[in-house]
Amino acid sequence: LASGSIGMAGGQAIDLASVGHTLTRAQL
């Protein structure tokens, strides 16, 4: 659970998609 799409891998996907974009503090 921790390493899959609702954990680490999912966070990495959000990280890659956020490059060049502004996130709110809550989104970060």
mmCIF file of all heavy atoms, coordinates in Angstrom:
data_MODEL
# 
_entry.id   MODEL 
# 
loop_
_atom_site.group_PDB 
_atom_site.id 
_atom_site.type_symbol 
_atom_site.label_atom_id 
_atom_site.label_alt_id 
_atom_site.label_comp_id 
_atom_site.label_asym_id 
_atom_site.label_entity_id 
_atom_site.label_seq_id 
_atom_site.pdbx_PDB_ins_code 
_atom_site.Cartn_x 
_atom_site.Cartn_y 
_atom_site.Cartn_z 
_atom_site.occupancy 
_atom_site.B_iso_or_equiv 
_atom_site.pdbx_formal_charge 
_atom_site.auth_seq_id 
_atom_site.auth_comp_id 
_atom_site.auth_asym_id 
_atom_site.auth_atom_id 
_atom_site.pdbx_PDB_model_num 
ATOM 1   N N   . LEU A 1 1  ? 0.831  -1.207 0.000   1.00 0.00 ? 1  LEU A N   1 
ATOM 2   C CA  . LEU A 1 1  ? 0.000  0.000  0.000   1.00 0.00 ? 1  LEU A CA  1 
ATOM 3   C C   . LEU A 1 1  ? 0.867  1.260  0.000   1.00 0.00 ? 1  LEU A C   1 
ATOM 4   O O   . LEU A 1 1  ? 0.575  2.234  -0.709  1.00 0.00 ? 1  LEU A O   1 
ATOM 5   C CB  . LEU A 1 1  ? -0.922 -0.001 1.215   1.00 0.00 ? 1  LEU A CB  1 
ATOM 6   C CG  . LEU A 1 1  ? -2.094 -0.996 1.187   1.00 0.00 ? 1  LEU A CG  1 
ATOM 7   C CD1 . LEU A 1 1  ? -2.806 -1.013 2.537   1.00 0.00 ? 1  LEU A CD1 1 
ATOM 8   C CD2 . LEU A 1 1  ? -3.070 -0.634 0.072   1.00 0.00 ? 1  LEU A CD2 1 
ATOM 9   N N   . ALA A 1 2  ? 1.926  1.242  0.789   1.00 0.00 ? 2  ALA A N   1 
ATOM 10  C CA  . ALA A 1 2  ? 2.775  2.427  0.918   1.00 0.00 ? 2  ALA A CA  1 
ATOM 11  C C   . ALA A 1 2  ? 3.559  2.733  -0.347  1.00 0.00 ? 2  ALA A C   1 
ATOM 12  O O   . ALA A 1 2  ? 3.886  3.893  -0.618  1.00 0.00 ? 2  ALA A O   1 
ATOM 13  C CB  . ALA A 1 2  ? 3.736  2.250  2.087   1.00 0.00 ? 2  ALA A CB  1 
ATOM 14  N N   . SER A 1 3  ? 3.879  1.709  -1.125  1.00 0.00 ? 3  SER A N   1 
ATOM 15  C CA  . SER A 1 3  ? 4.732  1.918  -2.299  1.00 0.00 ? 3  SER A CA  1 
ATOM 16  C C   . SER A 1 3  ? 3.962  2.005  -3.609  1.00 0.00 ? 3  SER A C   1 
ATOM 17  O O   . SER A 1 3  ? 4.547  2.304  -4.655  1.00 0.00 ? 3  SER A O   1 
ATOM 18  C CB  . SER A 1 3  ? 5.771  0.791  -2.400  1.00 0.00 ? 3  SER A CB  1 
ATOM 19  O OG  . SER A 1 3  ? 5.145  -0.478 -2.479  1.00 0.00 ? 3  SER A OG  1 
ATOM 20  N N   . GLY A 1 4  ? 2.651  1.779  -3.578  1.00 0.00 ? 4  GLY A N   1 
ATOM 21  C CA  . GLY A 1 4  ? 1.855  1.743  -4.802  1.00 0.00 ? 4  GLY A CA  1 
ATOM 22  C C   . GLY A 1 4  ? 1.255  3.074  -5.209  1.00 0.00 ? 4  GLY A C   1 
ATOM 23  O O   . GLY A 1 4  ? 1.725  4.149  -4.833  1.00 0.00 ? 4  GLY A O   1 
ATOM 24  N N   . SER A 1 5  ? 0.152  3.000  -5.955  1.00 0.00 ? 5  SER A N   1 
ATOM 25  C CA  . SER A 1 5  ? -0.430 4.195  -6.572  1.00 0.00 ? 5  SER A CA  1 
ATOM 26  C C   . SER A 1 5  ? -1.083 5.140  -5.574  1.00 0.00 ? 5  SER A C   1 
ATOM 27  O O   . SER A 1 5  ? -1.282 6.320  -5.881  1.00 0.00 ? 5  SER A O   1 
ATOM 28  C CB  . SER A 1 5  ? -1.464 3.781  -7.622  1.00 0.00 ? 5  SER A CB  1 
ATOM 29  O OG  . SER A 1 5  ? -2.525 3.044  -7.029  1.00 0.00 ? 5  SER A OG  1 
ATOM 30  N N   . ILE A 1 6  ? -1.446 4.638  -4.384  1.00 0.00 ? 6  ILE A N   1 
ATOM 31  C CA  . ILE A 1 6  ? -2.000 5.546  -3.369  1.00 0.00 ? 6  ILE A CA  1 
ATOM 32  C C   . ILE A 1 6  ? -0.926 5.947  -2.366  1.00 0.00 ? 6  ILE A C   1 
ATOM 33  O O   . ILE A 1 6  ? -1.226 6.568  -1.352  1.00 0.00 ? 6  ILE A O   1 
ATOM 34  C CB  . ILE A 1 6  ? -3.205 4.921  -2.635  1.00 0.00 ? 6  ILE A CB  1 
ATOM 35  C CG1 . ILE A 1 6  ? -2.796 3.643  -1.889  1.00 0.00 ? 6  ILE A CG1 1 
ATOM 36  C CG2 . ILE A 1 6  ? -4.338 4.641  -3.610  1.00 0.00 ? 6  ILE A CG2 1 
ATOM 37  C CD1 . ILE A 1 6  ? -3.901 3.099  -0.992  1.00 0.00 ? 6  ILE A CD1 1 
ATOM 38  N N   . GLY A 1 7  ? 0.300  5.591  -2.661  1.00 0.00 ? 7  GLY A N   1 
ATOM 39  C CA  . GLY A 1 7  ? 1.426  5.940  -1.803  1.00 0.00 ? 7  GLY A CA  1 
ATOM 40  C C   . GLY A 1 7  ? 2.552  6.549  -2.603  1.00 0.00 ? 7  GLY A C   1 
ATOM 41  O O   . GLY A 1 7  ? 2.362  7.535  -3.333  1.00 0.00 ? 7  GLY A O   1 
ATOM 42  N N   . MET A 1 8  ? 3.734  5.940  -2.489  1.00 0.00 ? 8  MET A N   1 
ATOM 43  C CA  . MET A 1 8  ? 4.948  6.505  -3.073  1.00 0.00 ? 8  MET A CA  1 
ATOM 44  C C   . MET A 1 8  ? 4.864  6.709  -4.589  1.00 0.00 ? 8  MET A C   1 
ATOM 45  O O   . MET A 1 8  ? 5.198  7.782  -5.101  1.00 0.00 ? 8  MET A O   1 
ATOM 46  C CB  . MET A 1 8  ? 6.129  5.593  -2.744  1.00 0.00 ? 8  MET A CB  1 
ATOM 47  C CG  . MET A 1 8  ? 7.467  6.058  -3.257  1.00 0.00 ? 8  MET A CG  1 
ATOM 48  S SD  . MET A 1 8  ? 8.741  4.813  -2.933  1.00 0.00 ? 8  MET A SD  1 
ATOM 49  C CE  . MET A 1 8  ? 8.232  3.511  -4.078  1.00 0.00 ? 8  MET A CE  1 
ATOM 50  N N   . ALA A 1 9  ? 4.410  5.694  -5.328  1.00 0.00 ? 9  ALA A N   1 
ATOM 51  C CA  . ALA A 1 9  ? 4.340  5.812  -6.786  1.00 0.00 ? 9  ALA A CA  1 
ATOM 52  C C   . ALA A 1 9  ? 3.345  6.893  -7.202  1.00 0.00 ? 9  ALA A C   1 
ATOM 53  O O   . ALA A 1 9  ? 3.588  7.651  -8.146  1.00 0.00 ? 9  ALA A O   1 
ATOM 54  C CB  . ALA A 1 9  ? 3.967  4.467  -7.410  1.00 0.00 ? 9  ALA A CB  1 
ATOM 55  N N   . GLY A 1 10 ? 2.211  6.963  -6.487  1.00 0.00 ? 10 GLY A N   1 
ATOM 56  C CA  . GLY A 1 10 ? 1.240  8.002  -6.790  1.00 0.00 ? 10 GLY A CA  1 
ATOM 57  C C   . GLY A 1 10 ? 1.790  9.394  -6.528  1.00 0.00 ? 10 GLY A C   1 
ATOM 58  O O   . GLY A 1 10 ? 1.552  10.338 -7.307  1.00 0.00 ? 10 GLY A O   1 
ATOM 59  N N   . GLY A 1 11 ? 2.535  9.544  -5.437  1.00 0.00 ? 11 GLY A N   1 
ATOM 60  C CA  . GLY A 1 11 ? 3.155  10.835 -5.146  1.00 0.00 ? 11 GLY A CA  1 
ATOM 61  C C   . GLY A 1 11 ? 4.161  11.237 -6.202  1.00 0.00 ? 11 GLY A C   1 
ATOM 62  O O   . GLY A 1 11 ? 4.263  12.415 -6.576  1.00 0.00 ? 11 GLY A O   1 
ATOM 63  N N   . GLN A 1 12 ? 4.912  10.259 -6.715  1.00 0.00 ? 12 GLN A N   1 
ATOM 64  C CA  . GLN A 1 12 ? 5.869  10.549 -7.780  1.00 0.00 ? 12 GLN A CA  1 
ATOM 65  C C   . GLN A 1 12 ? 5.151  10.990 -9.054  1.00 0.00 ? 12 GLN A C   1 
ATOM 66  O O   . GLN A 1 12 ? 5.615  11.885 -9.759  1.00 0.00 ? 12 GLN A O   1 
ATOM 67  C CB  . GLN A 1 12 ? 6.729  9.309  -8.057  1.00 0.00 ? 12 GLN A CB  1 
ATOM 68  C CG  . GLN A 1 12 ? 7.716  9.468  -9.206  1.00 0.00 ? 12 GLN A CG  1 
ATOM 69  C CD  . GLN A 1 12 ? 8.887  10.366 -8.865  1.00 0.00 ? 12 GLN A CD  1 
ATOM 70  O OE1 . GLN A 1 12 ? 8.910  11.003 -7.811  1.00 0.00 ? 12 GLN A OE1 1 
ATOM 71  N NE2 . GLN A 1 12 ? 9.861  10.436 -9.758  1.00 0.00 ? 12 GLN A NE2 1 
ATOM 72  N N   . ALA A 1 13 ? 4.002  10.387 -9.338  1.00 0.00 ? 13 ALA A N   1 
ATOM 73  C CA  . ALA A 1 13 ? 3.226  10.788 -10.516 1.00 0.00 ? 13 ALA A CA  1 
ATOM 74  C C   . ALA A 1 13 ? 2.765  12.240 -10.394 1.00 0.00 ? 13 ALA A C   1 
ATOM 75  O O   . ALA A 1 13 ? 2.835  13.009 -11.367 1.00 0.00 ? 13 ALA A O   1 
ATOM 76  C CB  . ALA A 1 13 ? 2.024  9.857  -10.684 1.00 0.00 ? 13 ALA A CB  1 
ATOM 77  N N   . ILE A 1 14 ? 2.303  12.614 -9.203  1.00 0.00 ? 14 ILE A N   1 
ATOM 78  C CA  . ILE A 1 14 ? 1.889  14.000 -8.974  1.00 0.00 ? 14 ILE A CA  1 
ATOM 79  C C   . ILE A 1 14 ? 3.081  14.931 -9.119  1.00 0.00 ? 14 ILE A C   1 
ATOM 80  O O   . ILE A 1 14 ? 2.986  16.019 -9.715  1.00 0.00 ? 14 ILE A O   1 
ATOM 81  C CB  . ILE A 1 14 ? 1.252  14.152 -7.583  1.00 0.00 ? 14 ILE A CB  1 
ATOM 82  C CG1 . ILE A 1 14 ? -0.031 13.324 -7.488  1.00 0.00 ? 14 ILE A CG1 1 
ATOM 83  C CG2 . ILE A 1 14 ? 0.962  15.622 -7.275  1.00 0.00 ? 14 ILE A CG2 1 
ATOM 84  C CD1 . ILE A 1 14 ? -0.631 13.269 -6.089  1.00 0.00 ? 14 ILE A CD1 1 
ATOM 85  N N   . ASP A 1 15 ? 4.234  14.505 -8.596  1.00 0.00 ? 15 ASP A N   1 
ATOM 86  C CA  . ASP A 1 15 ? 5.454  15.313 -8.671  1.00 0.00 ? 15 ASP A CA  1 
ATOM 87  C C   . ASP A 1 15 ? 5.835  15.585 -10.119 1.00 0.00 ? 15 ASP A C   1 
ATOM 88  O O   . ASP A 1 15 ? 6.144  16.723 -10.500 1.00 0.00 ? 15 ASP A O   1 
ATOM 89  C CB  . ASP A 1 15 ? 6.580  14.581 -7.943  1.00 0.00 ? 15 ASP A CB  1 
ATOM 90  C CG  . ASP A 1 15 ? 7.829  15.432 -7.763  1.00 0.00 ? 15 ASP A CG  1 
ATOM 91  O OD1 . ASP A 1 15 ? 7.728  16.671 -7.871  1.00 0.00 ? 15 ASP A OD1 1 
ATOM 92  O OD2 . ASP A 1 15 ? 8.900  14.864 -7.519  1.00 0.00 ? 15 ASP A OD2 1 
ATOM 93  N N   . LEU A 1 16 ? 5.823  14.559 -10.944 1.00 0.00 ? 16 LEU A N   1 
ATOM 94  C CA  . LEU A 1 16 ? 6.194  14.724 -12.352 1.00 0.00 ? 16 LEU A CA  1 
ATOM 95  C C   . LEU A 1 16 ? 5.201  15.627 -13.082 1.00 0.00 ? 16 LEU A C   1 
ATOM 96  O O   . LEU A 1 16 ? 5.591  16.452 -13.922 1.00 0.00 ? 16 LEU A O   1 
ATOM 97  C CB  . LEU A 1 16 ? 6.264  13.356 -13.035 1.00 0.00 ? 16 LEU A CB  1 
ATOM 98  C CG  . LEU A 1 16 ? 7.396  12.431 -12.582 1.00 0.00 ? 16 LEU A CG  1 
ATOM 99  C CD1 . LEU A 1 16 ? 7.217  11.044 -13.176 1.00 0.00 ? 16 LEU A CD1 1 
ATOM 100 C CD2 . LEU A 1 16 ? 8.757  13.006 -12.972 1.00 0.00 ? 16 LEU A CD2 1 
ATOM 101 N N   . ALA A 1 17 ? 3.927  15.495 -12.756 1.00 0.00 ? 17 ALA A N   1 
ATOM 102 C CA  . ALA A 1 17 ? 2.903  16.292 -13.416 1.00 0.00 ? 17 ALA A CA  1 
ATOM 103 C C   . ALA A 1 17 ? 2.915  17.752 -12.968 1.00 0.00 ? 17 ALA A C   1 
ATOM 104 O O   . ALA A 1 17 ? 2.369  18.619 -13.659 1.00 0.00 ? 17 ALA A O   1 
ATOM 105 C CB  . ALA A 1 17 ? 1.522  15.682 -13.163 1.00 0.00 ? 17 ALA A CB  1 
ATOM 106 N N   . SER A 1 18 ? 3.543  18.029 -11.826 1.00 0.00 ? 18 SER A N   1 
ATOM 107 C CA  . SER A 1 18 ? 3.510  19.387 -11.268 1.00 0.00 ? 18 SER A CA  1 
ATOM 108 C C   . SER A 1 18 ? 4.659  20.263 -11.742 1.00 0.00 ? 18 SER A C   1 
ATOM 109 O O   . SER A 1 18 ? 4.692  21.460 -11.424 1.00 0.00 ? 18 SER A O   1 
ATOM 110 C CB  . SER A 1 18 ? 3.538  19.312 -9.742  1.00 0.00 ? 18 SER A CB  1 
ATOM 111 O OG  . SER A 1 18 ? 4.800  18.850 -9.276  1.00 0.00 ? 18 SER A OG  1 
ATOM 112 N N   . VAL A 1 19 ? 5.620  19.692 -12.475 1.00 0.00 ? 19 VAL A N   1 
ATOM 113 C CA  . VAL A 1 19 ? 6.775  20.470 -12.922 1.00 0.00 ? 19 VAL A CA  1 
ATOM 114 C C   . VAL A 1 19 ? 6.303  21.652 -13.774 1.00 0.00 ? 19 VAL A C   1 
ATOM 115 O O   . VAL A 1 19 ? 5.544  21.491 -14.733 1.00 0.00 ? 19 VAL A O   1 
ATOM 116 C CB  . VAL A 1 19 ? 7.753  19.596 -13.728 1.00 0.00 ? 19 VAL A CB  1 
ATOM 117 C CG1 . VAL A 1 19 ? 8.880  20.457 -14.302 1.00 0.00 ? 19 VAL A CG1 1 
ATOM 118 C CG2 . VAL A 1 19 ? 8.326  18.490 -12.854 1.00 0.00 ? 19 VAL A CG2 1 
ATOM 119 N N   . GLY A 1 20 ? 6.744  22.846 -13.395 1.00 0.00 ? 20 GLY A N   1 
ATOM 120 C CA  . GLY A 1 20 ? 6.384  24.047 -14.140 1.00 0.00 ? 20 GLY A CA  1 
ATOM 121 C C   . GLY A 1 20 ? 5.032  24.614 -13.768 1.00 0.00 ? 20 GLY A C   1 
ATOM 122 O O   . GLY A 1 20 ? 4.602  25.624 -14.331 1.00 0.00 ? 20 GLY A O   1 
ATOM 123 N N   . HIS A 1 21 ? 4.339  23.973 -12.814 1.00 0.00 ? 21 HIS A N   1 
ATOM 124 C CA  . HIS A 1 21 ? 3.023  24.434 -12.380 1.00 0.00 ? 21 HIS A CA  1 
ATOM 125 C C   . HIS A 1 21 ? 3.088  24.921 -10.934 1.00 0.00 ? 21 HIS A C   1 
ATOM 126 O O   . HIS A 1 21 ? 3.969  24.530 -10.176 1.00 0.00 ? 21 HIS A O   1 
ATOM 127 C CB  . HIS A 1 21 ? 1.986  23.325 -12.499 1.00 0.00 ? 21 HIS A CB  1 
ATOM 128 C CG  . HIS A 1 21 ? 1.770  22.841 -13.901 1.00 0.00 ? 21 HIS A CG  1 
ATOM 129 N ND1 . HIS A 1 21 ? 1.003  23.517 -14.822 1.00 0.00 ? 21 HIS A ND1 1 
ATOM 130 C CD2 . HIS A 1 21 ? 2.258  21.744 -14.546 1.00 0.00 ? 21 HIS A CD2 1 
ATOM 131 C CE1 . HIS A 1 21 ? 0.999  22.862 -15.963 1.00 0.00 ? 21 HIS A CE1 1 
ATOM 132 N NE2 . HIS A 1 21 ? 1.771  21.781 -15.830 1.00 0.00 ? 21 HIS A NE2 1 
ATOM 133 N N   . THR A 1 22 ? 2.143  25.742 -10.562 1.00 0.00 ? 22 THR A N   1 
ATOM 134 C CA  . THR A 1 22 ? 2.062  26.233 -9.196  1.00 0.00 ? 22 THR A CA  1 
ATOM 135 C C   . THR A 1 22 ? 1.075  25.381 -8.409  1.00 0.00 ? 22 THR A C   1 
ATOM 136 O O   . THR A 1 22 ? -0.068 25.197 -8.838  1.00 0.00 ? 22 THR A O   1 
ATOM 137 C CB  . THR A 1 22 ? 1.602  27.706 -9.165  1.00 0.00 ? 22 THR A CB  1 
ATOM 138 O OG1 . THR A 1 22 ? 2.545  28.496 -9.894  1.00 0.00 ? 22 THR A OG1 1 
ATOM 139 C CG2 . THR A 1 22 ? 1.531  28.213 -7.739  1.00 0.00 ? 22 THR A CG2 1 
ATOM 140 N N   . LEU A 1 23 ? 1.532  24.860 -7.290  1.00 0.00 ? 23 LEU A N   1 
ATOM 141 C CA  . LEU A 1 23 ? 0.664  24.088 -6.410  1.00 0.00 ? 23 LEU A CA  1 
ATOM 142 C C   . LEU A 1 23 ? 0.304  24.910 -5.189  1.00 0.00 ? 23 LEU A C   1 
ATOM 143 O O   . LEU A 1 23 ? 1.089  25.750 -4.738  1.00 0.00 ? 23 LEU A O   1 
ATOM 144 C CB  . LEU A 1 23 ? 1.355  22.802 -5.957  1.00 0.00 ? 23 LEU A CB  1 
ATOM 145 C CG  . LEU A 1 23 ? 1.732  21.759 -7.010  1.00 0.00 ? 23 LEU A CG  1 
ATOM 146 C CD1 . LEU A 1 23 ? 2.323  20.531 -6.327  1.00 0.00 ? 23 LEU A CD1 1 
ATOM 147 C CD2 . LEU A 1 23 ? 0.534  21.372 -7.853  1.00 0.00 ? 23 LEU A CD2 1 
ATOM 148 N N   . THR A 1 24 ? -0.868 24.665 -4.645  1.00 0.00 ? 24 THR A N   1 
ATOM 149 C CA  . THR A 1 24 ? -1.202 25.253 -3.358  1.00 0.00 ? 24 THR A CA  1 
ATOM 150 C C   . THR A 1 24 ? -0.439 24.490 -2.276  1.00 0.00 ? 24 THR A C   1 
ATOM 151 O O   . THR A 1 24 ? 0.070  23.383 -2.507  1.00 0.00 ? 24 THR A O   1 
ATOM 152 C CB  . THR A 1 24 ? -2.706 25.158 -3.069  1.00 0.00 ? 24 THR A CB  1 
ATOM 153 O OG1 . THR A 1 24 ? -3.068 23.768 -2.943  1.00 0.00 ? 24 THR A OG1 1 
ATOM 154 C CG2 . THR A 1 24 ? -3.519 25.797 -4.189  1.00 0.00 ? 24 THR A CG2 1 
ATOM 155 N N   . ARG A 1 25 ? -0.388 25.048 -1.096  1.00 0.00 ? 25 ARG A N   1 
ATOM 156 C CA  . ARG A 1 25 ? 0.292  24.364 -0.002  1.00 0.00 ? 25 ARG A CA  1 
ATOM 157 C C   . ARG A 1 25 ? -0.392 23.035 0.301   1.00 0.00 ? 25 ARG A C   1 
ATOM 158 O O   . ARG A 1 25 ? 0.288  22.035 0.579   1.00 0.00 ? 25 ARG A O   1 
ATOM 159 C CB  . ARG A 1 25 ? 0.310  25.259 1.233   1.00 0.00 ? 25 ARG A CB  1 
ATOM 160 C CG  . ARG A 1 25 ? 0.959  24.609 2.439   1.00 0.00 ? 25 ARG A CG  1 
ATOM 161 C CD  . ARG A 1 25 ? 1.146  25.602 3.560   1.00 0.00 ? 25 ARG A CD  1 
ATOM 162 N NE  . ARG A 1 25 ? 1.564  24.936 4.793   1.00 0.00 ? 25 ARG A NE  1 
ATOM 163 C CZ  . ARG A 1 25 ? 1.861  25.576 5.927   1.00 0.00 ? 25 ARG A CZ  1 
ATOM 164 N NH1 . ARG A 1 25 ? 1.814  26.899 5.972   1.00 0.00 ? 25 ARG A NH1 1 
ATOM 165 N NH2 . ARG A 1 25 ? 2.229  24.901 6.996   1.00 0.00 ? 25 ARG A NH2 1 
ATOM 166 N N   . ALA A 1 26 ? -1.718 22.998 0.227   1.00 0.00 ? 26 ALA A N   1 
ATOM 167 C CA  . ALA A 1 26 ? -2.447 21.759 0.493   1.00 0.00 ? 26 ALA A CA  1 
ATOM 168 C C   . ALA A 1 26 ? -2.111 20.694 -0.551  1.00 0.00 ? 26 ALA A C   1 
ATOM 169 O O   . ALA A 1 26 ? -1.939 19.509 -0.222  1.00 0.00 ? 26 ALA A O   1 
ATOM 170 C CB  . ALA A 1 26 ? -3.947 22.025 0.510   1.00 0.00 ? 26 ALA A CB  1 
ATOM 171 N N   . GLN A 1 27 ? -2.009 21.096 -1.818  1.00 0.00 ? 27 GLN A N   1 
ATOM 172 C CA  . GLN A 1 27 ? -1.653 20.147 -2.875  1.00 0.00 ? 27 GLN A CA  1 
ATOM 173 C C   . GLN A 1 27 ? -0.230 19.628 -2.695  1.00 0.00 ? 27 GLN A C   1 
ATOM 174 O O   . GLN A 1 27 ? 0.044  18.439 -2.906  1.00 0.00 ? 27 GLN A O   1 
ATOM 175 C CB  . GLN A 1 27 ? -1.799 20.813 -4.245  1.00 0.00 ? 27 GLN A CB  1 
ATOM 176 C CG  . GLN A 1 27 ? -3.237 21.092 -4.650  1.00 0.00 ? 27 GLN A CG  1 
ATOM 177 C CD  . GLN A 1 27 ? -3.337 21.929 -5.918  1.00 0.00 ? 27 GLN A CD  1 
ATOM 178 O OE1 . GLN A 1 27 ? -2.508 22.813 -6.169  1.00 0.00 ? 27 GLN A OE1 1 
ATOM 179 N NE2 . GLN A 1 27 ? -4.346 21.645 -6.727  1.00 0.00 ? 27 GLN A NE2 1 
ATOM 180 N N   . LEU A 1 28 ? 0.667  20.515 -2.305  1.00 0.00 ? 28 LEU A N   1 
ATOM 181 C CA  . LEU A 1 28 ? 2.057  20.119 -2.071  1.00 0.00 ? 28 LEU A CA  1 
ATOM 182 C C   . LEU A 1 28 ? 2.140  19.115 -0.918  1.00 0.00 ? 28 LEU A C   1 
ATOM 183 O O   . LEU A 1 28 ? 2.867  18.115 -1.003  1.00 0.00 ? 28 LEU A O   1 
ATOM 184 C CB  . LEU A 1 28 ? 2.912  21.348 -1.755  1.00 0.00 ? 28 LEU A CB  1 
ATOM 185 C CG  . LEU A 1 28 ? 4.407  21.102 -1.543  1.00 0.00 ? 28 LEU A CG  1 
ATOM 186 C CD1 . LEU A 1 28 ? 5.065  20.635 -2.835  1.00 0.00 ? 28 LEU A CD1 1 
ATOM 187 C CD2 . LEU A 1 28 ? 5.096  22.370 -1.026  1.00 0.00 ? 28 LEU A CD2 1 
# 
